[in-house]
Amino acid sequence: MAYVISDSCVSCGACEGECPVGAISAGDSQYEIDAASCIDCGACAGTCPTGAIAQG
């Protein structure tokens, strides 16, 4: 199950560089995770200052 980013995202970008497969990108109003590319490693969740990333 891929990780997802909630509405708590403040678009700081901390998660984008932590993703080893490049599944995270800036969306219109917040960052987004491509579920097809996500390998469920959780590296992004540990770097999010607002706790906006969790397994979906």
N, C-alpha and C. Protein backbone atom coordinates (compact mmCIF):
# COMPACT_ATOMS: atom_id res chain seq x y z
N MET A 1 0.85 -1.18 0.00
CA MET A 1 0.00 0.00 0.00
C MET A 1 0.90 1.24 0.00
N ALA A 2 0.70 2.10 -0.94
CA ALA A 2 1.52 3.29 -1.10
C ALA A 2 1.26 4.32 0.01
N TYR A 3 2.26 5.14 0.24
CA TYR A 3 2.10 6.25 1.18
C TYR A 3 1.30 7.36 0.50
N VAL A 4 0.62 8.16 1.30
CA VAL A 4 -0.18 9.27 0.79
C VAL A 4 0.12 10.53 1.61
N ILE A 5 -0.10 11.67 1.00
CA ILE A 5 0.13 12.94 1.68
C ILE A 5 -1.23 13.60 1.94
N SER A 6 -1.49 13.95 3.18
CA SER A 6 -2.77 14.54 3.57
C SER A 6 -2.79 16.06 3.36
N ASP A 7 -3.91 16.65 3.68
CA ASP A 7 -4.09 18.10 3.55
C ASP A 7 -3.24 18.88 4.56
N SER A 8 -2.57 18.18 5.47
CA SER A 8 -1.69 18.84 6.43
C SER A 8 -0.38 19.29 5.79
N CYS A 9 -0.16 18.90 4.55
CA CYS A 9 1.07 19.24 3.82
C CYS A 9 1.18 20.76 3.67
N VAL A 10 2.38 21.29 3.99
CA VAL A 10 2.63 22.72 3.87
C VAL A 10 3.57 23.04 2.70
N SER A 11 3.77 22.04 1.82
CA SER A 11 4.60 22.18 0.62
C SER A 11 6.02 22.65 0.91
N CYS A 12 6.61 22.11 1.97
CA CYS A 12 7.99 22.50 2.33
C CYS A 12 9.02 21.81 1.44
N GLY A 13 8.66 20.65 0.88
CA GLY A 13 9.55 19.93 -0.01
C GLY A 13 10.53 18.99 0.67
N ALA A 14 10.47 18.87 1.98
CA ALA A 14 11.41 18.01 2.71
C ALA A 14 11.33 16.56 2.25
N CYS A 15 10.17 16.10 1.89
CA CYS A 15 9.97 14.70 1.51
C CYS A 15 10.50 14.37 0.12
N GLU A 16 10.44 15.31 -0.78
CA GLU A 16 10.77 15.03 -2.18
C GLU A 16 12.17 14.46 -2.36
N GLY A 17 13.15 15.05 -1.71
CA GLY A 17 14.52 14.59 -1.84
C GLY A 17 14.82 13.29 -1.14
N GLU A 18 13.95 12.88 -0.21
CA GLU A 18 14.16 11.64 0.54
C GLU A 18 13.66 10.40 -0.19
N CYS A 19 12.83 10.58 -1.19
CA CYS A 19 12.26 9.43 -1.90
C CYS A 19 13.31 8.81 -2.82
N PRO A 20 13.68 7.53 -2.57
CA PRO A 20 14.73 6.90 -3.38
C PRO A 20 14.31 6.58 -4.81
N VAL A 21 13.01 6.61 -5.09
CA VAL A 21 12.54 6.29 -6.44
C VAL A 21 11.91 7.48 -7.15
N GLY A 22 11.95 8.65 -6.53
CA GLY A 22 11.41 9.86 -7.16
C GLY A 22 9.91 9.87 -7.35
N ALA A 23 9.19 9.25 -6.42
CA ALA A 23 7.73 9.15 -6.52
C ALA A 23 7.00 10.39 -6.03
N ILE A 24 7.72 11.35 -5.44
CA ILE A 24 7.09 12.54 -4.87
C ILE A 24 7.38 13.75 -5.75
N SER A 25 6.32 14.52 -6.01
CA SER A 25 6.47 15.73 -6.82
C SER A 25 5.52 16.81 -6.32
N ALA A 26 5.81 18.04 -6.69
CA ALA A 26 4.96 19.16 -6.28
C ALA A 26 3.68 19.14 -7.09
N GLY A 27 2.55 19.20 -6.39
CA GLY A 27 1.26 19.27 -7.05
C GLY A 27 0.79 20.71 -7.08
N ASP A 28 -0.46 20.92 -7.42
CA ASP A 28 -1.01 22.27 -7.50
C ASP A 28 -1.04 22.96 -6.14
N SER A 29 -1.50 22.25 -5.10
CA SER A 29 -1.62 22.88 -3.79
C SER A 29 -0.77 22.22 -2.71
N GLN A 30 -0.24 21.03 -2.99
CA GLN A 30 0.61 20.33 -2.04
C GLN A 30 1.40 19.26 -2.79
N TYR A 31 2.33 18.63 -2.11
CA TYR A 31 3.11 17.56 -2.74
C TYR A 31 2.26 16.32 -2.89
N GLU A 32 2.61 15.48 -3.88
CA GLU A 32 1.84 14.28 -4.18
C GLU A 32 2.78 13.10 -4.34
N ILE A 33 2.28 11.91 -4.01
CA ILE A 33 3.05 10.68 -4.17
C ILE A 33 2.40 9.85 -5.27
N ASP A 34 3.19 9.43 -6.26
CA ASP A 34 2.70 8.56 -7.33
C ASP A 34 2.62 7.14 -6.76
N ALA A 35 1.41 6.66 -6.56
CA ALA A 35 1.20 5.35 -5.94
C ALA A 35 1.83 4.22 -6.73
N ALA A 36 1.89 4.34 -8.04
CA ALA A 36 2.46 3.29 -8.88
C ALA A 36 3.98 3.20 -8.71
N SER A 37 4.62 4.30 -8.34
CA SER A 37 6.07 4.33 -8.17
C SER A 37 6.52 4.10 -6.74
N CYS A 38 5.66 4.37 -5.78
CA CYS A 38 5.99 4.25 -4.36
C CYS A 38 6.34 2.81 -4.01
N ILE A 39 7.49 2.63 -3.31
CA ILE A 39 7.93 1.29 -2.91
C ILE A 39 7.67 1.01 -1.42
N ASP A 40 6.89 1.85 -0.79
CA ASP A 40 6.48 1.66 0.61
C ASP A 40 7.64 1.62 1.60
N CYS A 41 8.67 2.39 1.36
CA CYS A 41 9.84 2.36 2.25
C CYS A 41 9.66 3.25 3.48
N GLY A 42 8.83 4.30 3.38
CA GLY A 42 8.57 5.17 4.51
C GLY A 42 9.60 6.26 4.75
N ALA A 43 10.58 6.38 3.87
CA ALA A 43 11.62 7.40 4.04
C ALA A 43 11.02 8.80 4.09
N CYS A 44 10.01 9.05 3.33
CA CYS A 44 9.38 10.37 3.27
C CYS A 44 8.65 10.71 4.56
N ALA A 45 7.99 9.73 5.14
CA ALA A 45 7.19 9.97 6.35
C ALA A 45 8.04 10.46 7.51
N GLY A 46 9.25 9.97 7.60
CA GLY A 46 10.14 10.36 8.69
C GLY A 46 10.66 11.78 8.59
N THR A 47 10.58 12.36 7.40
CA THR A 47 11.12 13.72 7.22
C THR A 47 10.04 14.79 7.24
N CYS A 48 8.78 14.41 7.22
CA CYS A 48 7.69 15.39 7.16
C CYS A 48 7.50 16.10 8.50
N PRO A 49 7.71 17.42 8.53
CA PRO A 49 7.59 18.16 9.80
C PRO A 49 6.17 18.27 10.33
N THR A 50 5.17 18.06 9.47
CA THR A 50 3.78 18.17 9.92
C THR A 50 3.09 16.82 10.08
N GLY A 51 3.79 15.74 9.79
CA GLY A 51 3.19 14.42 9.92
C GLY A 51 2.12 14.16 8.89
N ALA A 52 2.24 14.79 7.73
CA ALA A 52 1.21 14.69 6.70
C ALA A 52 1.30 13.43 5.84
N ILE A 53 2.36 12.63 6.04
CA ILE A 53 2.54 11.43 5.21
C ILE A 53 2.31 10.18 6.02
N ALA A 54 1.46 9.29 5.49
CA ALA A 54 1.15 8.04 6.15
C ALA A 54 0.82 6.99 5.10
N GLN A 55 0.84 5.73 5.50
CA GLN A 55 0.47 4.68 4.57
C GLN A 55 -1.01 4.80 4.27
N GLY A 56 -1.33 4.70 3.00
CA GLY A 56 -2.73 4.83 2.56
C GLY A 56 -3.38 3.56 2.51
